[in-house]
Amino acid sequence: MRNVILKLLGVQGKSVKFIDAENEICNGARTFKHVMLHHGIMHCSTKRTKKSMLTVQQVHRLLCGYGKPAFKVAQKIILEENIENRNVREALDYFIREVWLDMEYPGLMALACKAVKGKPDKTLRLGASLVLLRGAMDVHDDIIDEQETKAGKPTLYGKYGQDMAILAGDVLFYEGLAHLNEAILHFRIEERQEIADMVKEALFEVGTGIANEVDYRGNFDLLPEDLMRIITQKAACAEMHARLGAIVGGGDKAEEDALGIFGRLLGVLTVMRDEFIDIYEPEELQNRKEKECLPLPLLFAFKDIDVKREILTILEKRKLVGSDSRKIVNIVLRSEGMKELKKQMDDLKKTALSSLKVFEEKKTAQSLRRLLDPLYEDIKIG
C-alpha cells in the first residue's frame, strides 16, 4: 500500500516518511466560490449535482464542531498566561483570537478517535497542545515567507513585525511543548514515548518541507513532482492527528495505519485544492511569485512550453491585479496539464477512501469519508 501511495503522489523513491511502528516518519474556510465571486469569475449558485454531498462549508462546520473544544482549551491557555511584556501579550491575544482559529486539525483527531469507537472528548488535552505547536510553526512560516496578510487579514508578522512574531512564536512553542508533556501523562507508559516520537517526527517532516520550499523559492522551472514532495511532507500533521485519534480511542494497529494513510492523503488533497485558491487571489499569487513556490496548477500547466511562456509574460508584471489572475486562471484551466492534475487527485481520493475499508462493518468512519465530498467544488478542471 505504501508504494502505491508514493507512486500516486509522484514522489516514489524520494525522501517521504510515513509515521508507523516500522518506519518513523480553521482559519475560517476559504471556498473557491467565495474567491471566484469576489473576483467576478463566477455567479452565485446553490445547485449541487448530488444532494447528499457535503459542501466545503459543511465539512468545515463538521470539523470545527469536533475540534472547537480543544481549540478553546488552547485559547484559554494563551489568554490566561502571565506575560509581562505588553507588546508580546497583545500580539498573542491577536493571534489566538483573530488569526489562528485552528479547529479543523483537532476535529480530525476527534473524528478518528470516534472511528475506532473511542470517546472524542478524550482528545481534548492532546489536541490543544498541538493547536499551540502548529500555531508556532505557522507564525515562523509567515516570517520566512514575509507573509503580511492571509485571507484579507494581517498575519501576526504583518501586524506586529518580525521581532514580536518571533517572540510570540517562541511562547507558543514553549506552551505547546509543556502541555503536550502534561497531556501524555494520561496515557500508558508505553504509549507516551510513541506519542512523543510521533509528534516530533511529524513536526520535523513539516519543517523539512518548509526548508525545501525555501530552497525552491523563485524557481520557475520547478517540476510538479518537486512541489508534490513538499506538499506530502506538509501533510505529515494531518496523518499525525489521525493516528493520534486512533491511539487515544484504543484502536488496533490496522485501524491506526488505515487512519494514518487517510490522514496523509486528506492533508495532501486539501493542500492541492488550496493551491488553486492562490491563483484566484492576485495578492497571494504575487507573494507566491516573489517569496515562495508558484502554485501547483501553474507547474502542471508549464509542461506545455507555450502555455508557460504565456503565463510568465503576465507574471513579469511588477504588481498583479485581478484581471491578471483571471487571465492566468483561464489559461491554466484550458491547459493539458489540468487533465493530469485531475487524474492524480482522483487517484489519491480513491486510495484515501479505500484505506477506510477496515471500518466498513463498524460504520464509524462515515464522517471521515464525507470530508472528501467537496474536493472539486467549483473547480473546473479535467
Protein backbone atom coordinates (compact mmCIF):
# COMPACT_ATOMS: atom_id res chain seq x y z
CA MET A 1 0.00 0.00 0.00
CA ARG A 2 2.83 2.43 0.81
CA ASN A 3 4.46 2.02 -2.59
CA VAL A 4 1.09 2.62 -4.26
CA ILE A 5 0.64 5.87 -2.33
CA LEU A 6 4.15 7.09 -3.14
CA LYS A 7 3.59 6.32 -6.80
CA LEU A 8 0.28 8.17 -6.79
CA LEU A 9 1.93 11.16 -5.14
CA GLY A 10 4.63 11.22 -7.80
CA VAL A 11 7.40 11.10 -5.20
CA GLN A 12 8.32 7.41 -5.29
CA GLY A 13 11.97 6.84 -4.43
CA LYS A 14 12.26 10.23 -2.71
CA SER A 15 12.52 11.05 0.98
CA VAL A 16 8.92 10.88 2.21
CA LYS A 17 8.21 9.45 5.65
CA PHE A 18 5.08 7.74 6.92
CA ILE A 19 4.64 7.53 10.66
CA ASP A 20 4.30 3.95 11.82
CA ALA A 21 5.95 1.40 14.09
CA GLU A 22 8.18 0.07 11.34
CA ASN A 23 9.36 3.36 9.83
CA GLU A 24 9.02 6.57 11.86
CA ILE A 25 8.06 9.11 9.82
CA CYS A 26 -9.66 26.63 10.80
CA ASN A 27 -8.71 29.54 9.92
CA GLY A 28 -12.23 30.08 8.52
CA ALA A 29 -12.98 28.08 5.41
CA ARG A 30 -11.97 29.84 2.22
CA THR A 31 -14.03 28.38 -0.59
CA PHE A 32 -13.45 28.66 -4.30
CA LYS A 33 -16.95 30.02 -4.65
CA HIS A 34 -16.13 32.87 -2.26
CA VAL A 35 -12.92 33.73 -4.07
CA MET A 36 -14.39 33.48 -7.57
CA LEU A 37 -17.44 35.54 -6.67
CA HIS A 38 -15.14 38.17 -5.21
CA HIS A 39 -13.13 38.37 -8.43
CA GLY A 40 -16.12 38.12 -10.75
CA ILE A 41 -15.15 34.75 -12.18
CA MET A 42 -18.47 33.03 -11.49
CA HIS A 43 -22.05 33.77 -10.47
CA CYS A 44 -23.60 32.52 -7.28
CA SER A 45 -25.33 29.16 -7.50
CA THR A 46 -26.55 26.79 -4.82
CA LYS A 47 -27.12 23.89 -7.21
CA ARG A 48 -25.24 20.68 -6.44
CA THR A 49 -25.07 17.56 -8.55
CA LYS A 50 -25.55 15.27 -5.58
CA LYS A 51 -27.78 16.41 -2.74
CA SER A 52 -26.09 14.00 -0.34
CA MET A 53 -22.64 15.55 -0.88
CA LEU A 54 -21.31 17.90 1.78
CA THR A 55 -20.12 21.36 0.76
CA VAL A 56 -16.79 22.89 1.80
CA GLN A 57 -18.61 24.97 4.41
CA GLN A 58 -20.43 21.93 5.80
CA VAL A 59 -17.17 19.98 6.08
CA HIS A 60 -15.62 22.98 7.82
CA ARG A 61 -18.51 23.08 10.30
CA LEU A 62 -18.24 19.33 10.89
CA LEU A 63 -14.54 19.52 11.72
CA CYS A 64 -14.93 22.67 13.80
CA GLY A 65 -17.79 21.14 15.74
CA TYR A 66 -15.50 18.34 16.90
CA GLY A 67 -12.36 20.49 17.17
CA LYS A 68 -13.70 23.60 18.90
CA PRO A 69 -13.38 22.23 22.46
CA ALA A 70 -9.66 21.56 22.03
CA PHE A 71 -9.15 24.95 20.40
CA LYS A 72 -10.94 26.67 23.29
CA VAL A 73 -8.61 24.95 25.75
CA ALA A 74 -5.59 26.17 23.75
CA GLN A 75 -7.02 29.67 23.54
CA LYS A 76 -7.62 29.74 27.30
CA ILE A 77 -4.03 28.65 27.94
CA ILE A 78 -2.65 31.62 26.00
CA LEU A 79 -5.13 34.21 27.24
CA GLU A 80 -4.56 33.28 30.89
CA GLU A 81 -0.77 33.05 30.70
CA ASN A 82 1.03 35.73 32.74
CA ILE A 83 3.10 37.52 30.10
CA GLU A 84 4.63 40.71 31.43
CA ASN A 85 5.66 42.35 28.17
CA ARG A 86 2.64 44.29 26.88
CA ASN A 87 3.60 44.02 23.19
CA VAL A 88 4.07 40.24 23.27
CA ARG A 89 0.82 39.93 25.23
CA GLU A 90 -1.06 41.99 22.66
CA ALA A 91 0.43 40.07 19.73
CA LEU A 92 -0.54 36.70 21.24
CA ASP A 93 -4.04 37.89 22.06
CA TYR A 94 -4.50 39.00 18.44
CA PHE A 95 -3.16 35.72 17.08
CA ILE A 96 -5.26 33.39 19.21
CA ARG A 97 -8.45 35.49 18.96
CA GLU A 98 -8.35 36.67 15.35
CA VAL A 99 -5.89 34.64 13.28
CA TRP A 100 -5.23 31.11 14.49
CA LEU A 101 -8.76 29.69 14.78
CA ASP A 102 -7.41 26.16 14.32
CA MET A 103 -10.29 23.78 14.93
CA GLU A 104 -10.05 21.52 11.88
CA TYR A 105 -6.97 19.52 12.90
CA PRO A 106 -8.19 18.72 16.42
CA GLY A 107 -11.52 17.96 14.75
CA LEU A 108 -9.80 15.36 12.56
CA MET A 109 -8.24 13.79 15.65
CA ALA A 110 -11.62 13.62 17.38
CA LEU A 111 -13.29 12.05 14.33
CA ALA A 112 -10.50 9.47 14.06
CA CYS A 113 -11.00 8.66 17.74
CA LYS A 114 -14.71 8.23 17.11
CA ALA A 115 -13.98 5.97 14.12
CA VAL A 116 -12.34 3.40 16.42
CA LYS A 117 -15.28 3.72 18.86
CA GLY A 118 -13.38 5.92 21.27
CA LYS A 119 -14.69 8.99 23.10
CA PRO A 120 -13.75 12.17 21.13
CA ASP A 121 -13.55 14.30 24.30
CA LYS A 122 -10.50 12.27 25.35
CA THR A 123 -8.52 14.01 22.58
CA LEU A 124 -9.02 17.40 24.25
CA ARG A 125 -5.67 17.89 26.02
CA LEU A 126 -3.59 16.40 23.24
CA GLY A 127 -5.44 18.36 20.58
CA ALA A 128 -5.00 21.64 22.49
CA SER A 129 -1.23 21.19 22.81
CA LEU A 130 -0.95 20.59 19.06
CA VAL A 131 -3.02 23.68 18.29
CA LEU A 132 -0.29 25.66 20.06
CA LEU A 133 2.63 23.84 18.40
CA ARG A 134 1.19 24.17 14.91
CA GLY A 135 0.40 27.80 15.64
CA ALA A 136 4.04 28.42 16.50
CA MET A 137 5.14 26.87 13.21
CA ASP A 138 2.59 28.96 11.31
CA VAL A 139 3.91 32.19 12.84
CA HIS A 140 7.51 31.34 11.97
CA ASP A 141 6.50 30.20 8.48
CA ASP A 142 4.89 33.59 7.86
CA ILE A 143 8.13 35.27 8.91
CA ILE A 144 10.11 33.14 6.45
CA ASP A 145 7.66 33.92 3.63
CA GLU A 146 7.30 37.57 4.72
CA GLN A 147 3.57 36.92 4.60
CA GLU A 148 1.81 40.07 5.77
CA THR A 149 -1.79 39.05 5.09
CA LYS A 150 -3.85 35.86 4.78
CA ALA A 151 -7.45 35.76 3.57
CA GLY A 152 -7.54 39.55 3.74
CA LYS A 153 -6.44 39.71 7.39
CA PRO A 154 -3.00 40.78 8.70
CA THR A 155 -0.84 37.93 9.96
CA LEU A 156 0.86 38.32 13.33
CA TYR A 157 4.05 39.15 11.38
CA GLY A 158 2.21 41.67 9.20
CA LYS A 159 0.60 43.46 12.15
CA TYR A 160 3.35 43.38 14.76
CA GLY A 161 6.57 42.90 12.80
CA GLN A 162 9.32 40.33 12.78
CA ASP A 163 10.64 40.72 16.33
CA MET A 164 7.25 40.37 18.03
CA ALA A 165 6.32 37.50 15.72
CA ILE A 166 9.47 35.56 16.65
CA LEU A 167 8.87 36.12 20.36
CA ALA A 168 5.18 35.23 20.17
CA GLY A 169 6.01 32.10 18.17
CA ASP A 170 8.52 31.09 20.83
CA VAL A 171 5.86 31.44 23.54
CA LEU A 172 3.53 29.19 21.54
CA PHE A 173 6.28 26.58 21.22
CA TYR A 174 7.02 26.66 24.97
CA GLU A 175 3.33 26.39 25.89
CA GLY A 176 2.67 23.69 23.33
CA LEU A 177 5.56 21.51 24.50
CA ALA A 178 4.68 21.97 28.17
CA HIS A 179 1.05 21.00 27.64
CA LEU A 180 1.98 18.12 25.33
CA ASN A 181 4.09 16.74 28.18
CA GLU A 182 1.12 17.09 30.55
CA ALA A 183 -1.28 15.52 28.05
CA ILE A 184 0.74 12.35 27.51
CA LEU A 185 0.95 11.71 31.25
CA HIS A 186 -2.63 10.45 31.00
CA PHE A 187 -1.54 7.57 28.73
CA ARG A 188 0.09 4.25 29.50
CA ILE A 189 3.85 4.41 29.85
CA GLU A 190 4.48 2.51 26.60
CA GLU A 191 2.20 4.92 24.70
CA ARG A 192 3.86 8.09 26.00
CA GLN A 193 7.09 7.67 24.05
CA GLU A 194 5.19 6.55 20.96
CA ILE A 195 3.09 9.74 21.01
CA ALA A 196 6.09 11.98 21.73
CA ASP A 197 8.06 10.41 18.87
CA MET A 198 5.11 10.68 16.51
CA VAL A 199 4.68 14.40 17.22
CA LYS A 200 8.40 15.05 16.87
CA GLU A 201 8.69 13.19 13.56
CA ALA A 202 5.63 14.87 12.08
CA LEU A 203 6.73 18.38 13.03
CA PHE A 204 10.25 17.67 11.77
CA GLU A 205 8.83 16.46 8.47
CA VAL A 206 6.71 19.60 8.09
CA GLY A 207 9.80 21.67 8.90
CA THR A 208 11.75 19.81 6.22
CA GLY A 209 9.00 20.63 3.73
CA ILE A 210 9.20 24.32 4.64
CA ALA A 211 13.00 24.26 4.28
CA ASN A 212 12.71 22.59 0.87
CA GLU A 213 10.21 25.24 -0.16
CA VAL A 214 12.71 27.95 0.77
CA ASP A 215 15.33 26.22 -1.39
CA TYR A 216 12.98 26.28 -4.38
CA ARG A 217 11.91 29.89 -3.89
CA GLY A 218 11.78 31.82 -7.17
CA ASN A 219 12.47 28.73 -9.27
CA PHE A 220 10.00 28.92 -12.17
CA ASP A 221 11.45 25.70 -13.61
CA LEU A 222 10.34 23.70 -10.58
CA LEU A 223 8.70 20.41 -11.53
CA PRO A 224 5.24 19.47 -10.22
CA GLU A 225 6.82 16.37 -8.63
CA ASP A 226 9.12 18.58 -6.55
CA LEU A 227 6.25 20.64 -5.17
CA MET A 228 4.21 17.47 -4.58
CA ARG A 229 7.03 16.19 -2.39
CA ILE A 230 6.81 19.37 -0.30
CA ILE A 231 3.01 19.12 -0.12
CA THR A 232 3.32 15.50 1.01
CA GLN A 233 5.78 16.48 3.73
CA LYS A 234 3.49 19.25 4.95
CA ALA A 235 0.63 16.73 5.17
CA ALA A 236 2.50 14.90 7.96
CA CYS A 237 0.48 16.80 10.56
CA ALA A 238 -2.81 15.50 9.18
CA GLU A 239 -1.51 11.93 9.35
CA MET A 240 -0.25 12.53 12.88
CA HIS A 241 -3.63 13.83 14.09
CA ALA A 242 -5.48 10.87 12.55
CA ARG A 243 -3.07 8.35 14.08
CA LEU A 244 -3.23 10.02 17.48
CA GLY A 245 -7.02 9.85 17.35
CA ALA A 246 -6.76 6.10 16.81
CA ILE A 247 -4.36 5.72 19.74
CA VAL A 248 -6.50 7.81 22.09
CA GLY A 249 -9.59 5.84 21.06
CA GLY A 250 -7.92 2.48 21.69
CA GLY A 251 -7.82 1.39 18.03
CA ASP A 252 -5.69 -1.54 16.91
CA LYS A 253 -2.63 -1.27 14.66
CA ALA A 254 -4.58 -1.96 11.46
CA GLU A 255 -7.03 0.83 12.29
CA GLU A 256 -4.22 3.23 13.19
CA ASP A 257 -2.43 2.50 9.91
CA ALA A 258 -5.63 2.94 7.92
CA LEU A 259 -6.36 6.27 9.57
CA GLY A 260 -2.74 7.34 9.08
CA ILE A 261 -2.95 6.71 5.33
CA PHE A 262 -6.30 8.51 5.15
CA GLY A 263 -4.99 11.46 7.16
CA ARG A 264 -1.90 11.85 4.98
CA LEU A 265 -3.88 11.75 1.74
CA LEU A 266 -6.59 14.03 3.13
CA GLY A 267 -3.85 16.51 4.00
CA VAL A 268 -2.30 16.25 0.54
CA LEU A 269 -5.63 16.66 -1.26
CA THR A 270 -6.62 19.61 0.93
CA VAL A 271 -3.39 21.42 0.09
CA MET A 272 -3.75 20.56 -3.61
CA ARG A 273 -7.20 22.14 -3.55
CA ASP A 274 -5.87 25.20 -1.71
CA GLU A 275 -3.20 25.59 -4.38
CA PHE A 276 -5.98 26.58 -6.78
CA ILE A 277 -7.22 29.31 -4.45
CA ASP A 278 -3.88 31.11 -4.64
CA ILE A 279 -4.27 31.51 -8.41
CA TYR A 280 -7.56 33.33 -7.97
CA GLU A 281 -6.15 35.83 -5.45
CA PRO A 282 -3.70 38.32 -7.04
CA GLU A 283 -2.14 39.30 -3.70
CA GLU A 284 -1.41 35.69 -2.80
CA LEU A 285 -0.18 34.91 -6.30
CA GLN A 286 2.14 37.92 -6.07
CA ASN A 287 3.56 36.61 -2.79
CA ARG A 288 3.96 33.10 -4.21
CA LYS A 289 5.82 34.53 -7.21
CA GLU A 290 8.22 36.61 -5.14
CA LYS A 291 8.72 34.70 -1.90
CA GLU A 292 7.53 31.10 -2.30
CA CYS A 293 6.99 28.45 -4.98
CA LEU A 294 4.45 29.01 -7.74
CA PRO A 295 1.09 27.23 -7.15
CA LEU A 296 0.87 23.60 -8.24
CA PRO A 297 -1.65 24.13 -11.10
CA LEU A 298 0.80 26.53 -12.79
CA LEU A 299 3.58 23.94 -12.63
CA PHE A 300 1.34 21.34 -14.29
CA ALA A 301 0.33 23.89 -16.93
CA PHE A 302 4.02 24.72 -17.52
CA LYS A 303 4.54 21.29 -19.05
CA ASP A 304 3.36 22.99 -22.24
CA ILE A 305 6.18 25.40 -23.08
CA ASP A 306 3.85 27.77 -24.96
CA VAL A 307 1.50 27.95 -22.00
CA LYS A 308 4.49 28.55 -19.72
CA ARG A 309 5.69 31.49 -21.84
CA GLU A 310 2.20 32.99 -21.90
CA ILE A 311 1.81 32.82 -18.12
CA LEU A 312 5.35 34.04 -17.38
CA THR A 313 4.69 37.10 -19.54
CA ILE A 314 1.85 38.01 -17.18
CA LEU A 315 3.88 37.20 -14.06
CA GLU A 316 6.61 39.60 -15.21
CA LYS A 317 4.37 42.49 -14.21
CA ARG A 318 5.59 44.30 -11.12
CA LYS A 319 2.19 44.18 -9.44
CA LEU A 320 -0.52 41.65 -10.26
CA VAL A 321 -4.19 42.68 -10.23
CA GLY A 322 -7.50 40.87 -10.54
CA SER A 323 -7.52 40.89 -14.33
CA ASP A 324 -4.09 39.20 -14.34
CA SER A 325 -5.37 36.43 -12.08
CA ARG A 326 -8.40 35.91 -14.30
CA LYS A 327 -6.20 35.61 -17.38
CA ILE A 328 -3.93 33.09 -15.67
CA VAL A 329 -6.91 31.08 -14.39
CA ASN A 330 -8.36 30.83 -17.90
CA ILE A 331 -5.02 29.77 -19.39
CA VAL A 332 -4.37 27.18 -16.68
CA LEU A 333 -7.82 25.62 -16.82
CA ARG A 334 -7.53 25.19 -20.61
CA SER A 335 -4.11 23.56 -20.41
CA GLU A 336 -3.47 19.85 -20.91
CA GLY A 337 -1.69 19.75 -17.56
CA MET A 338 -5.03 20.07 -15.77
CA LYS A 339 -6.10 16.65 -17.03
CA GLU A 340 -3.02 15.10 -15.46
CA LEU A 341 -3.56 17.00 -12.21
CA LYS A 342 -7.22 15.97 -12.07
CA LYS A 343 -6.30 12.30 -12.62
CA GLN A 344 -3.73 12.47 -9.85
CA MET A 345 -6.30 13.94 -7.47
CA ASP A 346 -8.85 11.28 -8.49
CA ASP A 347 -6.35 8.50 -7.79
CA LEU A 348 -5.41 9.95 -4.41
CA LYS A 349 -9.05 10.29 -3.42
CA LYS A 350 -9.76 6.67 -4.36
CA THR A 351 -6.79 5.46 -2.32
CA ALA A 352 -7.85 7.59 0.66
CA LEU A 353 -11.38 6.18 0.61
CA SER A 354 -10.06 2.64 0.08
CA SER A 355 -7.93 2.96 3.22
CA LEU A 356 -11.11 3.20 5.30
CA LYS A 357 -12.46 -0.19 4.20
CA VAL A 358 -11.31 -1.63 7.51
CA PHE A 359 -14.19 0.33 9.09
CA GLU A 360 -16.93 -0.78 6.69
CA GLU A 361 -18.62 -3.10 9.16
CA LYS A 362 -18.44 -0.62 12.03
CA LYS A 363 -19.80 2.33 10.02
CA THR A 364 -17.99 4.62 12.45
CA ALA A 365 -15.84 6.29 9.82
CA GLN A 366 -18.65 7.70 7.67
CA SER A 367 -17.91 11.25 8.81
CA LEU A 368 -14.29 10.84 7.71
CA ARG A 369 -15.36 9.74 4.24
CA ARG A 370 -17.54 12.82 3.92
CA LEU A 371 -14.52 15.07 4.40
CA LEU A 372 -13.60 14.37 0.77
CA ASP A 373 -17.04 15.21 -0.63
CA PRO A 374 -16.28 18.78 -1.73
CA LEU A 375 -12.84 18.12 -3.23
CA TYR A 376 -13.83 19.54 -6.62
CA GLU A 377 -16.47 22.02 -5.51
CA ASP A 378 -16.40 24.90 -8.06
CA ILE A 379 -13.14 23.66 -9.63
CA LYS A 380 -13.49 23.46 -13.39
CA ILE A 381 -10.71 21.06 -14.32
CA GLY A 382 -10.46 17.94 -16.42
